[in-house]
């Protein structure tokens, strides 16, 4: 029926959130245990 008046802002808002997100999130943040399996499970394969 309609795209909606705010759809144009979708990529802008997501992009503005992604930039600080990639700066703030580091791969080593998954390290929280002496068990390496738990650390590996805490990650994401794509990331």
ModelCIF file with pLDDT and N, C-alpha, C, O atoms, coordinates in Angstrom:
data_MODEL
#
_entry.id   MODEL 
#
_entity.id                         1 
_entity.type                       polymer 
_entity.pdbx_number_of_molecules   1 
#
_entity_poly.entity_id                      1 
_entity_poly.type                           'polypeptide(L)' 
_entity_poly.nstd_linkage                   no 
_entity_poly.nstd_monomer                   no 
_entity_poly.pdbx_seq_one_letter_code       
;(UNK)(UNK)(UNK)(UNK)(UNK)(UNK)(UNK)(UNK)(UNK)(UNK)(UNK)(UNK)(UNK)(UNK)(UNK)(UNK)
(UNK)(UNK)(UNK)(UNK)(UNK)(UNK)(UNK)(UNK)(UNK)(UNK)(UNK)(UNK)(UNK)(UNK)(UNK)(UNK)
(UNK)(UNK)(UNK)(UNK)(UNK)(UNK)(UNK)(UNK)(UNK)(UNK)(UNK)(UNK)(UNK)(UNK)(UNK)
;
_entity_poly.pdbx_seq_one_letter_code_can   XXXXXXXXXXXXXXXXXXXXXXXXXXXXXXXXXXXXXXXXXXXXXXX 
_entity_poly.pdbx_strand_id                 A 
#
loop_
_entity_poly_seq.entity_id 
_entity_poly_seq.num 
_entity_poly_seq.mon_id 
_entity_poly_seq.hetero 
1 1  UNK n 
1 2  UNK n 
1 3  UNK n 
1 4  UNK n 
1 5  UNK n 
1 6  UNK n 
1 7  UNK n 
1 8  UNK n 
1 9  UNK n 
1 10 UNK n 
1 11 UNK n 
1 12 UNK n 
1 13 UNK n 
1 14 UNK n 
1 15 UNK n 
1 16 UNK n 
1 17 UNK n 
1 18 UNK n 
1 19 UNK n 
1 20 UNK n 
1 21 UNK n 
1 22 UNK n 
1 23 UNK n 
1 24 UNK n 
1 25 UNK n 
1 26 UNK n 
1 27 UNK n 
1 28 UNK n 
1 29 UNK n 
1 30 UNK n 
1 31 UNK n 
1 32 UNK n 
1 33 UNK n 
1 34 UNK n 
1 35 UNK n 
1 36 UNK n 
1 37 UNK n 
1 38 UNK n 
1 39 UNK n 
1 40 UNK n 
1 41 UNK n 
1 42 UNK n 
1 43 UNK n 
1 44 UNK n 
1 45 UNK n 
1 46 UNK n 
1 47 UNK n 
#
_struct_asym.id          A 
_struct_asym.entity_id   1 
#
loop_
_ma_qa_metric.id 
_ma_qa_metric.mode 
_ma_qa_metric.name 
_ma_qa_metric.software_group_id 
_ma_qa_metric.type 
1 global pLDDT . pLDDT 
2 local  pLDDT . pLDDT 
#
_ma_qa_metric_global.metric_id      1 
_ma_qa_metric_global.metric_value   80.49 
_ma_qa_metric_global.model_id       1 
_ma_qa_metric_global.ordinal_id     1 
#
loop_
_ma_qa_metric_local.label_asym_id 
_ma_qa_metric_local.label_comp_id 
_ma_qa_metric_local.label_seq_id 
_ma_qa_metric_local.metric_id 
_ma_qa_metric_local.metric_value 
_ma_qa_metric_local.model_id 
_ma_qa_metric_local.ordinal_id 
A UNK 1  2 41.00 1 1  
A UNK 2  2 45.00 1 2  
A UNK 3  2 46.00 1 3  
A UNK 4  2 51.00 1 4  
A UNK 5  2 55.00 1 5  
A UNK 6  2 66.00 1 6  
A UNK 7  2 72.00 1 7  
A UNK 8  2 75.00 1 8  
A UNK 9  2 82.00 1 9  
A UNK 10 2 83.00 1 10 
A UNK 11 2 87.00 1 11 
A UNK 12 2 88.00 1 12 
A UNK 13 2 89.00 1 13 
A UNK 14 2 90.00 1 14 
A UNK 15 2 89.00 1 15 
A UNK 16 2 91.00 1 16 
A UNK 17 2 91.00 1 17 
A UNK 18 2 90.00 1 18 
A UNK 19 2 89.00 1 19 
A UNK 20 2 92.00 1 20 
A UNK 21 2 89.00 1 21 
A UNK 22 2 86.00 1 22 
A UNK 23 2 87.00 1 23 
A UNK 24 2 90.00 1 24 
A UNK 25 2 89.00 1 25 
A UNK 26 2 83.00 1 26 
A UNK 27 2 78.00 1 27 
A UNK 28 2 74.00 1 28 
A UNK 29 2 86.00 1 29 
A UNK 30 2 85.00 1 30 
A UNK 31 2 81.00 1 31 
A UNK 32 2 84.00 1 32 
A UNK 33 2 82.00 1 33 
A UNK 34 2 74.00 1 34 
A UNK 35 2 79.00 1 35 
A UNK 36 2 74.00 1 36 
A UNK 37 2 81.00 1 37 
A UNK 38 2 86.00 1 38 
A UNK 39 2 85.00 1 39 
A UNK 40 2 85.00 1 40 
A UNK 41 2 88.00 1 41 
A UNK 42 2 90.00 1 42 
A UNK 43 2 88.00 1 43 
A UNK 44 2 89.00 1 44 
A UNK 45 2 86.00 1 45 
A UNK 46 2 86.00 1 46 
A UNK 47 2 86.00 1 47 
#
loop_
_atom_site.group_PDB 
_atom_site.id 
_atom_site.type_symbol 
_atom_site.label_atom_id 
_atom_site.label_alt_id 
_atom_site.label_comp_id 
_atom_site.label_asym_id 
_atom_site.label_entity_id 
_atom_site.label_seq_id 
_atom_site.pdbx_PDB_ins_code 
_atom_site.Cartn_x 
_atom_site.Cartn_y 
_atom_site.Cartn_z 
_atom_site.occupancy 
_atom_site.B_iso_or_equiv 
_atom_site.pdbx_formal_charge 
_atom_site.auth_seq_id 
_atom_site.auth_comp_id 
_atom_site.auth_asym_id 
_atom_site.auth_atom_id 
_atom_site.pdbx_PDB_model_num 
ATOM 1   N N  . UNK A 1 1  ? 0.817  -1.208  0.000  1.00 41.00 ? 1  UNK A N  1 
ATOM 2   C CA . UNK A 1 1  ? 0.000  0.000   0.000  1.00 41.00 ? 1  UNK A CA 1 
ATOM 3   C C  . UNK A 1 1  ? 0.853  1.261   0.000  1.00 41.00 ? 1  UNK A C  1 
ATOM 4   O O  . UNK A 1 1  ? 0.580  2.207   -0.740 1.00 41.00 ? 1  UNK A O  1 
ATOM 5   N N  . UNK A 1 2  ? 1.873  1.267   0.824  1.00 45.00 ? 2  UNK A N  1 
ATOM 6   C CA . UNK A 1 2  ? 2.714  2.465   0.903  1.00 45.00 ? 2  UNK A CA 1 
ATOM 7   C C  . UNK A 1 2  ? 4.039  2.119   1.548  1.00 45.00 ? 2  UNK A C  1 
ATOM 8   O O  . UNK A 1 2  ? 4.112  1.236   2.403  1.00 45.00 ? 2  UNK A O  1 
ATOM 9   N N  . UNK A 1 3  ? 5.083  2.814   1.140  1.00 46.00 ? 3  UNK A N  1 
ATOM 10  C CA . UNK A 1 3  ? 6.381  2.585   1.751  1.00 46.00 ? 3  UNK A CA 1 
ATOM 11  C C  . UNK A 1 3  ? 6.443  3.171   3.144  1.00 46.00 ? 3  UNK A C  1 
ATOM 12  O O  . UNK A 1 3  ? 7.156  2.652   4.003  1.00 46.00 ? 3  UNK A O  1 
ATOM 13  N N  . UNK A 1 4  ? 5.721  4.225   3.376  1.00 51.00 ? 4  UNK A N  1 
ATOM 14  C CA . UNK A 1 4  ? 5.829  4.899   4.649  1.00 51.00 ? 4  UNK A CA 1 
ATOM 15  C C  . UNK A 1 4  ? 6.768  6.070   4.555  1.00 51.00 ? 4  UNK A C  1 
ATOM 16  O O  . UNK A 1 4  ? 7.765  6.047   3.834  1.00 51.00 ? 4  UNK A O  1 
ATOM 17  N N  . UNK A 1 5  ? 6.418  7.108   5.315  1.00 55.00 ? 5  UNK A N  1 
ATOM 18  C CA . UNK A 1 5  ? 7.183  8.343   5.190  1.00 55.00 ? 5  UNK A CA 1 
ATOM 19  C C  . UNK A 1 5  ? 8.578  8.251   5.795  1.00 55.00 ? 5  UNK A C  1 
ATOM 20  O O  . UNK A 1 5  ? 9.430  9.088   5.495  1.00 55.00 ? 5  UNK A O  1 
ATOM 21  N N  . UNK A 1 6  ? 8.834  7.249   6.644  1.00 66.00 ? 6  UNK A N  1 
ATOM 22  C CA . UNK A 1 6  ? 10.132 7.165   7.308  1.00 66.00 ? 6  UNK A CA 1 
ATOM 23  C C  . UNK A 1 6  ? 11.048 6.104   6.713  1.00 66.00 ? 6  UNK A C  1 
ATOM 24  O O  . UNK A 1 6  ? 12.172 5.937   7.186  1.00 66.00 ? 6  UNK A O  1 
ATOM 25  N N  . UNK A 1 7  ? 10.597 5.382   5.686  1.00 72.00 ? 7  UNK A N  1 
ATOM 26  C CA . UNK A 1 7  ? 11.432 4.321   5.111  1.00 72.00 ? 7  UNK A CA 1 
ATOM 27  C C  . UNK A 1 7  ? 12.732 4.870   4.541  1.00 72.00 ? 7  UNK A C  1 
ATOM 28  O O  . UNK A 1 7  ? 13.752 4.181   4.558  1.00 72.00 ? 7  UNK A O  1 
ATOM 29  N N  . UNK A 1 8  ? 12.710 6.105   4.035  1.00 75.00 ? 8  UNK A N  1 
ATOM 30  C CA . UNK A 1 8  ? 13.932 6.686   3.474  1.00 75.00 ? 8  UNK A CA 1 
ATOM 31  C C  . UNK A 1 8  ? 15.039 6.777   4.522  1.00 75.00 ? 8  UNK A C  1 
ATOM 32  O O  . UNK A 1 8  ? 16.225 6.774   4.194  1.00 75.00 ? 8  UNK A O  1 
ATOM 33  N N  . UNK A 1 9  ? 14.627 6.859   5.798  1.00 82.00 ? 9  UNK A N  1 
ATOM 34  C CA . UNK A 1 9  ? 15.630 7.013   6.860  1.00 82.00 ? 9  UNK A CA 1 
ATOM 35  C C  . UNK A 1 9  ? 16.230 5.681   7.291  1.00 82.00 ? 9  UNK A C  1 
ATOM 36  O O  . UNK A 1 9  ? 17.194 5.660   8.056  1.00 82.00 ? 9  UNK A O  1 
ATOM 37  N N  . UNK A 1 10 ? 15.672 4.563   6.810  1.00 83.00 ? 10 UNK A N  1 
ATOM 38  C CA . UNK A 1 10 ? 16.111 3.246   7.265  1.00 83.00 ? 10 UNK A CA 1 
ATOM 39  C C  . UNK A 1 10 ? 17.611 3.019   7.089  1.00 83.00 ? 10 UNK A C  1 
ATOM 40  O O  . UNK A 1 10 ? 18.281 2.722   8.078  1.00 83.00 ? 10 UNK A O  1 
ATOM 41  N N  . UNK A 1 11 ? 18.181 3.144   5.872  1.00 87.00 ? 11 UNK A N  1 
ATOM 42  C CA . UNK A 1 11 ? 19.627 2.898   5.733  1.00 87.00 ? 11 UNK A CA 1 
ATOM 43  C C  . UNK A 1 11 ? 20.470 3.924   6.474  1.00 87.00 ? 11 UNK A C  1 
ATOM 44  O O  . UNK A 1 11 ? 21.573 3.619   6.927  1.00 87.00 ? 11 UNK A O  1 
ATOM 45  N N  . UNK A 1 12 ? 19.947 5.146   6.596  1.00 88.00 ? 12 UNK A N  1 
ATOM 46  C CA . UNK A 1 12 ? 20.698 6.193   7.297  1.00 88.00 ? 12 UNK A CA 1 
ATOM 47  C C  . UNK A 1 12 ? 20.829 5.856   8.773  1.00 88.00 ? 12 UNK A C  1 
ATOM 48  O O  . UNK A 1 12 ? 21.920 5.918   9.340  1.00 88.00 ? 12 UNK A O  1 
ATOM 49  N N  . UNK A 1 13 ? 19.704 5.497   9.391  1.00 89.00 ? 13 UNK A N  1 
ATOM 50  C CA . UNK A 1 13 ? 19.714 5.187   10.820 1.00 89.00 ? 13 UNK A CA 1 
ATOM 51  C C  . UNK A 1 13 ? 20.575 3.954   11.101 1.00 89.00 ? 13 UNK A C  1 
ATOM 52  O O  . UNK A 1 13 ? 21.371 3.944   12.040 1.00 89.00 ? 13 UNK A O  1 
ATOM 53  N N  . UNK A 1 14 ? 20.407 2.916   10.278 1.00 90.00 ? 14 UNK A N  1 
ATOM 54  C CA . UNK A 1 14 ? 21.198 1.695   10.489 1.00 90.00 ? 14 UNK A CA 1 
ATOM 55  C C  . UNK A 1 14 ? 22.686 1.980   10.313 1.00 90.00 ? 14 UNK A C  1 
ATOM 56  O O  . UNK A 1 14 ? 23.512 1.510   11.096 1.00 90.00 ? 14 UNK A O  1 
ATOM 57  N N  . UNK A 1 15 ? 23.024 2.757   9.274  1.00 89.00 ? 15 UNK A N  1 
ATOM 58  C CA . UNK A 1 15 ? 24.419 3.107   9.055  1.00 89.00 ? 15 UNK A CA 1 
ATOM 59  C C  . UNK A 1 15 ? 25.003 3.898   10.215 1.00 89.00 ? 15 UNK A C  1 
ATOM 60  O O  . UNK A 1 15 ? 26.157 3.690   10.591 1.00 89.00 ? 15 UNK A O  1 
ATOM 61  N N  . UNK A 1 16 ? 24.210 4.808   10.787 1.00 91.00 ? 16 UNK A N  1 
ATOM 62  C CA . UNK A 1 16 ? 24.686 5.611   11.920 1.00 91.00 ? 16 UNK A CA 1 
ATOM 63  C C  . UNK A 1 16 ? 24.896 4.752   13.160 1.00 91.00 ? 16 UNK A C  1 
ATOM 64  O O  . UNK A 1 16 ? 25.745 5.064   13.995 1.00 91.00 ? 16 UNK A O  1 
ATOM 65  N N  . UNK A 1 17 ? 24.131 3.673   13.285 1.00 91.00 ? 17 UNK A N  1 
ATOM 66  C CA . UNK A 1 17 ? 24.320 2.770   14.419 1.00 91.00 ? 17 UNK A CA 1 
ATOM 67  C C  . UNK A 1 17 ? 25.474 1.795   14.186 1.00 91.00 ? 17 UNK A C  1 
ATOM 68  O O  . UNK A 1 17 ? 26.171 1.413   15.126 1.00 91.00 ? 17 UNK A O  1 
ATOM 69  N N  . UNK A 1 18 ? 25.671 1.395   12.925 1.00 90.00 ? 18 UNK A N  1 
ATOM 70  C CA . UNK A 1 18 ? 26.732 0.435   12.611 1.00 90.00 ? 18 UNK A CA 1 
ATOM 71  C C  . UNK A 1 18 ? 28.123 1.014   12.841 1.00 90.00 ? 18 UNK A C  1 
ATOM 72  O O  . UNK A 1 18 ? 29.007 0.329   13.357 1.00 90.00 ? 18 UNK A O  1 
ATOM 73  N N  . UNK A 1 19 ? 28.316 2.269   12.460 1.00 89.00 ? 19 UNK A N  1 
ATOM 74  C CA . UNK A 1 19 ? 29.656 2.864   12.561 1.00 89.00 ? 19 UNK A CA 1 
ATOM 75  C C  . UNK A 1 19 ? 30.198 2.817   13.984 1.00 89.00 ? 19 UNK A C  1 
ATOM 76  O O  . UNK A 1 19 ? 31.285 2.277   14.190 1.00 89.00 ? 19 UNK A O  1 
ATOM 77  N N  . UNK A 1 20 ? 29.485 3.363   14.985 1.00 92.00 ? 20 UNK A N  1 
ATOM 78  C CA . UNK A 1 20 ? 30.009 3.247   16.358 1.00 92.00 ? 20 UNK A CA 1 
ATOM 79  C C  . UNK A 1 20 ? 30.004 1.814   16.869 1.00 92.00 ? 20 UNK A C  1 
ATOM 80  O O  . UNK A 1 20 ? 30.819 1.445   17.716 1.00 92.00 ? 20 UNK A O  1 
ATOM 81  N N  . UNK A 1 21 ? 29.061 0.991   16.340 1.00 89.00 ? 21 UNK A N  1 
ATOM 82  C CA . UNK A 1 21 ? 29.021 -0.405  16.763 1.00 89.00 ? 21 UNK A CA 1 
ATOM 83  C C  . UNK A 1 21 ? 30.292 -1.140  16.406 1.00 89.00 ? 21 UNK A C  1 
ATOM 84  O O  . UNK A 1 21 ? 30.830 -1.880  17.230 1.00 89.00 ? 21 UNK A O  1 
ATOM 85  N N  . UNK A 1 22 ? 30.789 -0.949  15.179 1.00 86.00 ? 22 UNK A N  1 
ATOM 86  C CA . UNK A 1 22 ? 32.024 -1.624  14.758 1.00 86.00 ? 22 UNK A CA 1 
ATOM 87  C C  . UNK A 1 22 ? 33.237 -1.082  15.511 1.00 86.00 ? 22 UNK A C  1 
ATOM 88  O O  . UNK A 1 22 ? 34.205 -1.809  15.734 1.00 86.00 ? 22 UNK A O  1 
ATOM 89  N N  . UNK A 1 23 ? 33.189 0.175   15.898 1.00 87.00 ? 23 UNK A N  1 
ATOM 90  C CA . UNK A 1 23 ? 34.295 0.735   16.667 1.00 87.00 ? 23 UNK A CA 1 
ATOM 91  C C  . UNK A 1 23 ? 34.294 0.222   18.106 1.00 87.00 ? 23 UNK A C  1 
ATOM 92  O O  . UNK A 1 23 ? 35.351 0.003   18.697 1.00 87.00 ? 23 UNK A O  1 
ATOM 93  N N  . UNK A 1 24 ? 33.094 0.035   18.663 1.00 90.00 ? 24 UNK A N  1 
ATOM 94  C CA . UNK A 1 24 ? 32.988 -0.347  20.073 1.00 90.00 ? 24 UNK A CA 1 
ATOM 95  C C  . UNK A 1 24 ? 33.158 -1.846  20.291 1.00 90.00 ? 24 UNK A C  1 
ATOM 96  O O  . UNK A 1 24 ? 33.698 -2.262  21.316 1.00 90.00 ? 24 UNK A O  1 
ATOM 97  N N  . UNK A 1 25 ? 32.704 -2.662  19.343 1.00 89.00 ? 25 UNK A N  1 
ATOM 98  C CA . UNK A 1 25 ? 32.730 -4.115  19.517 1.00 89.00 ? 25 UNK A CA 1 
ATOM 99  C C  . UNK A 1 25 ? 34.028 -4.677  18.947 1.00 89.00 ? 25 UNK A C  1 
ATOM 100 O O  . UNK A 1 25 ? 34.353 -4.459  17.779 1.00 89.00 ? 25 UNK A O  1 
ATOM 101 N N  . UNK A 1 26 ? 34.760 -5.397  19.779 1.00 83.00 ? 26 UNK A N  1 
ATOM 102 C CA . UNK A 1 26 ? 36.019 -6.018  19.361 1.00 83.00 ? 26 UNK A CA 1 
ATOM 103 C C  . UNK A 1 26 ? 35.888 -7.538  19.443 1.00 83.00 ? 26 UNK A C  1 
ATOM 104 O O  . UNK A 1 26 ? 35.130 -8.068  20.255 1.00 83.00 ? 26 UNK A O  1 
ATOM 105 N N  . UNK A 1 27 ? 36.632 -8.216  18.597 1.00 78.00 ? 27 UNK A N  1 
ATOM 106 C CA . UNK A 1 27 ? 36.554 -9.676  18.562 1.00 78.00 ? 27 UNK A CA 1 
ATOM 107 C C  . UNK A 1 27 ? 36.934 -10.301 19.895 1.00 78.00 ? 27 UNK A C  1 
ATOM 108 O O  . UNK A 1 27 ? 36.414 -11.359 20.250 1.00 78.00 ? 27 UNK A O  1 
ATOM 109 N N  . UNK A 1 28 ? 37.850 -9.652  20.654 1.00 74.00 ? 28 UNK A N  1 
ATOM 110 C CA . UNK A 1 28 ? 38.287 -10.250 21.917 1.00 74.00 ? 28 UNK A CA 1 
ATOM 111 C C  . UNK A 1 28 ? 37.248 -10.121 23.028 1.00 74.00 ? 28 UNK A C  1 
ATOM 112 O O  . UNK A 1 28 ? 37.457 -10.632 24.128 1.00 74.00 ? 28 UNK A O  1 
ATOM 113 N N  . UNK A 1 29 ? 36.123 -9.437  22.752 1.00 86.00 ? 29 UNK A N  1 
ATOM 114 C CA . UNK A 1 29 ? 35.075 -9.341  23.764 1.00 86.00 ? 29 UNK A CA 1 
ATOM 115 C C  . UNK A 1 29 ? 34.380 -10.679 24.022 1.00 86.00 ? 29 UNK A C  1 
ATOM 116 O O  . UNK A 1 29 ? 33.633 -10.819 24.990 1.00 86.00 ? 29 UNK A O  1 
ATOM 117 N N  . UNK A 1 30 ? 34.626 -11.641 23.169 1.00 85.00 ? 30 UNK A N  1 
ATOM 118 C CA . UNK A 1 30 ? 34.039 -12.967 23.405 1.00 85.00 ? 30 UNK A CA 1 
ATOM 119 C C  . UNK A 1 30 ? 34.820 -13.729 24.469 1.00 85.00 ? 30 UNK A C  1 
ATOM 120 O O  . UNK A 1 30 ? 34.353 -14.761 24.951 1.00 85.00 ? 30 UNK A O  1 
ATOM 121 N N  . UNK A 1 31 ? 36.001 -13.239 24.845 1.00 81.00 ? 31 UNK A N  1 
ATOM 122 C CA . UNK A 1 31 ? 36.823 -13.933 25.826 1.00 81.00 ? 31 UNK A CA 1 
ATOM 123 C C  . UNK A 1 31 ? 36.310 -13.627 27.232 1.00 81.00 ? 31 UNK A C  1 
ATOM 124 O O  . UNK A 1 31 ? 36.483 -12.512 27.724 1.00 81.00 ? 31 UNK A O  1 
ATOM 125 N N  . UNK A 1 32 ? 35.690 -14.594 27.870 1.00 84.00 ? 32 UNK A N  1 
ATOM 126 C CA . UNK A 1 32 ? 35.156 -14.376 29.210 1.00 84.00 ? 32 UNK A CA 1 
ATOM 127 C C  . UNK A 1 32 ? 35.338 -15.591 30.104 1.00 84.00 ? 32 UNK A C  1 
ATOM 128 O O  . UNK A 1 32 ? 34.898 -15.586 31.254 1.00 84.00 ? 32 UNK A O  1 
ATOM 129 N N  . UNK A 1 33 ? 35.988 -16.637 29.585 1.00 82.00 ? 33 UNK A N  1 
ATOM 130 C CA . UNK A 1 33 ? 36.084 -17.885 30.336 1.00 82.00 ? 33 UNK A CA 1 
ATOM 131 C C  . UNK A 1 33 ? 37.431 -18.540 30.084 1.00 82.00 ? 33 UNK A C  1 
ATOM 132 O O  . UNK A 1 33 ? 38.093 -18.259 29.084 1.00 82.00 ? 33 UNK A O  1 
ATOM 133 N N  . UNK A 1 34 ? 37.828 -19.412 30.995 1.00 74.00 ? 34 UNK A N  1 
ATOM 134 C CA . UNK A 1 34 ? 39.028 -20.220 30.779 1.00 74.00 ? 34 UNK A CA 1 
ATOM 135 C C  . UNK A 1 34 ? 38.761 -21.367 29.822 1.00 74.00 ? 34 UNK A C  1 
ATOM 136 O O  . UNK A 1 34 ? 39.691 -22.017 29.346 1.00 74.00 ? 34 UNK A O  1 
ATOM 137 N N  . UNK A 1 35 ? 37.470 -21.617 29.537 1.00 79.00 ? 35 UNK A N  1 
ATOM 138 C CA . UNK A 1 35 ? 37.090 -22.674 28.606 1.00 79.00 ? 35 UNK A CA 1 
ATOM 139 C C  . UNK A 1 35 ? 37.003 -22.087 27.203 1.00 79.00 ? 35 UNK A C  1 
ATOM 140 O O  . UNK A 1 35 ? 36.128 -21.264 26.932 1.00 79.00 ? 35 UNK A O  1 
ATOM 141 N N  . UNK A 1 36 ? 37.896 -22.497 26.307 1.00 74.00 ? 36 UNK A N  1 
ATOM 142 C CA . UNK A 1 36 ? 37.951 -21.879 24.985 1.00 74.00 ? 36 UNK A CA 1 
ATOM 143 C C  . UNK A 1 36 ? 36.694 -22.151 24.173 1.00 74.00 ? 36 UNK A C  1 
ATOM 144 O O  . UNK A 1 36 ? 36.335 -21.347 23.313 1.00 74.00 ? 36 UNK A O  1 
ATOM 145 N N  . UNK A 1 37 ? 36.012 -23.274 24.426 1.00 81.00 ? 37 UNK A N  1 
ATOM 146 C CA . UNK A 1 37 ? 34.774 -23.553 23.704 1.00 81.00 ? 37 UNK A CA 1 
ATOM 147 C C  . UNK A 1 37 ? 33.706 -22.521 24.032 1.00 81.00 ? 37 UNK A C  1 
ATOM 148 O O  . UNK A 1 37 ? 32.990 -22.057 23.145 1.00 81.00 ? 37 UNK A O  1 
ATOM 149 N N  . UNK A 1 38 ? 33.600 -22.161 25.307 1.00 86.00 ? 38 UNK A N  1 
ATOM 150 C CA . UNK A 1 38 ? 32.623 -21.142 25.693 1.00 86.00 ? 38 UNK A CA 1 
ATOM 151 C C  . UNK A 1 38 ? 32.948 -19.810 25.020 1.00 86.00 ? 38 UNK A C  1 
ATOM 152 O O  . UNK A 1 38 ? 32.045 -19.098 24.583 1.00 86.00 ? 38 UNK A O  1 
ATOM 153 N N  . UNK A 1 39 ? 34.220 -19.476 24.938 1.00 85.00 ? 39 UNK A N  1 
ATOM 154 C CA . UNK A 1 39 ? 34.608 -18.227 24.280 1.00 85.00 ? 39 UNK A CA 1 
ATOM 155 C C  . UNK A 1 39 ? 34.269 -18.263 22.791 1.00 85.00 ? 39 UNK A C  1 
ATOM 156 O O  . UNK A 1 39 ? 33.743 -17.295 22.240 1.00 85.00 ? 39 UNK A O  1 
ATOM 157 N N  . UNK A 1 40 ? 34.575 -19.386 22.150 1.00 85.00 ? 40 UNK A N  1 
ATOM 158 C CA . UNK A 1 40 ? 34.288 -19.496 20.721 1.00 85.00 ? 40 UNK A CA 1 
ATOM 159 C C  . UNK A 1 40 ? 32.789 -19.458 20.445 1.00 85.00 ? 40 UNK A C  1 
ATOM 160 O O  . UNK A 1 40 ? 32.351 -18.839 19.476 1.00 85.00 ? 40 UNK A O  1 
ATOM 161 N N  . UNK A 1 41 ? 31.999 -20.119 21.295 1.00 88.00 ? 41 UNK A N  1 
ATOM 162 C CA . UNK A 1 41 ? 30.552 -20.114 21.116 1.00 88.00 ? 41 UNK A CA 1 
ATOM 163 C C  . UNK A 1 41 ? 29.977 -18.711 21.263 1.00 88.00 ? 41 UNK A C  1 
ATOM 164 O O  . UNK A 1 41 ? 28.927 -18.409 20.697 1.00 88.00 ? 41 UNK A O  1 
ATOM 165 N N  . UNK A 1 42 ? 30.649 -17.864 22.009 1.00 90.00 ? 42 UNK A N  1 
ATOM 166 C CA . UNK A 1 42 ? 30.154 -16.506 22.240 1.00 90.00 ? 42 UNK A CA 1 
ATOM 167 C C  . UNK A 1 42 ? 30.345 -15.598 21.031 1.00 90.00 ? 42 UNK A C  1 
ATOM 168 O O  . UNK A 1 42 ? 29.818 -14.486 21.006 1.00 90.00 ? 42 UNK A O  1 
ATOM 169 N N  . UNK A 1 43 ? 31.087 -16.055 20.035 1.00 88.00 ? 43 UNK A N  1 
ATOM 170 C CA . UNK A 1 43 ? 31.301 -15.252 18.838 1.00 88.00 ? 43 UNK A CA 1 
ATOM 171 C C  . UNK A 1 43 ? 30.237 -15.500 17.793 1.00 88.00 ? 43 UNK A C  1 
ATOM 172 O O  . UNK A 1 43 ? 29.283 -16.247 18.012 1.00 88.00 ? 43 UNK A O  1 
ATOM 173 N N  . UNK A 1 44 ? 30.418 -14.865 16.664 1.00 89.00 ? 44 UNK A N  1 
ATOM 174 C CA . UNK A 1 44 ? 29.531 -15.036 15.508 1.00 89.00 ? 44 UNK A CA 1 
ATOM 175 C C  . UNK A 1 44 ? 30.415 -15.340 14.306 1.00 89.00 ? 44 UNK A C  1 
ATOM 176 O O  . UNK A 1 44 ? 31.392 -14.634 14.057 1.00 89.00 ? 44 UNK A O  1 
ATOM 177 N N  . UNK A 1 45 ? 30.074 -16.394 13.557 1.00 86.00 ? 45 UNK A N  1 
ATOM 178 C CA . UNK A 1 45 ? 30.927 -16.823 12.461 1.00 86.00 ? 45 UNK A CA 1 
ATOM 179 C C  . UNK A 1 45 ? 31.162 -15.765 11.418 1.00 86.00 ? 45 UNK A C  1 
ATOM 180 O O  . UNK A 1 45 ? 32.285 -15.594 10.943 1.00 86.00 ? 45 UNK A O  1 
ATOM 181 N N  . UNK A 1 46 ? 30.102 -15.040 11.047 1.00 86.00 ? 46 UNK A N  1 
ATOM 182 C CA . UNK A 1 46 ? 30.247 -13.999 10.034 1.00 86.00 ? 46 UNK A CA 1 
ATOM 183 C C  . UNK A 1 46 ? 31.167 -12.892 10.541 1.00 86.00 ? 46 UNK A C  1 
ATOM 184 O O  . UNK A 1 46 ? 32.056 -12.434 9.823  1.00 86.00 ? 46 UNK A O  1 
ATOM 185 N N  . UNK A 1 47 ? 30.945 -12.467 11.789 1.00 86.00 ? 47 UNK A N  1 
ATOM 186 C CA . UNK A 1 47 ? 31.796 -11.423 12.370 1.00 86.00 ? 47 UNK A CA 1 
ATOM 187 C C  . UNK A 1 47 ? 33.240 -11.918 12.459 1.00 86.00 ? 47 UNK A C  1 
ATOM 188 O O  . UNK A 1 47 ? 34.116 -11.188 12.921 1.00 86.00 ? 47 UNK A O  1 
#
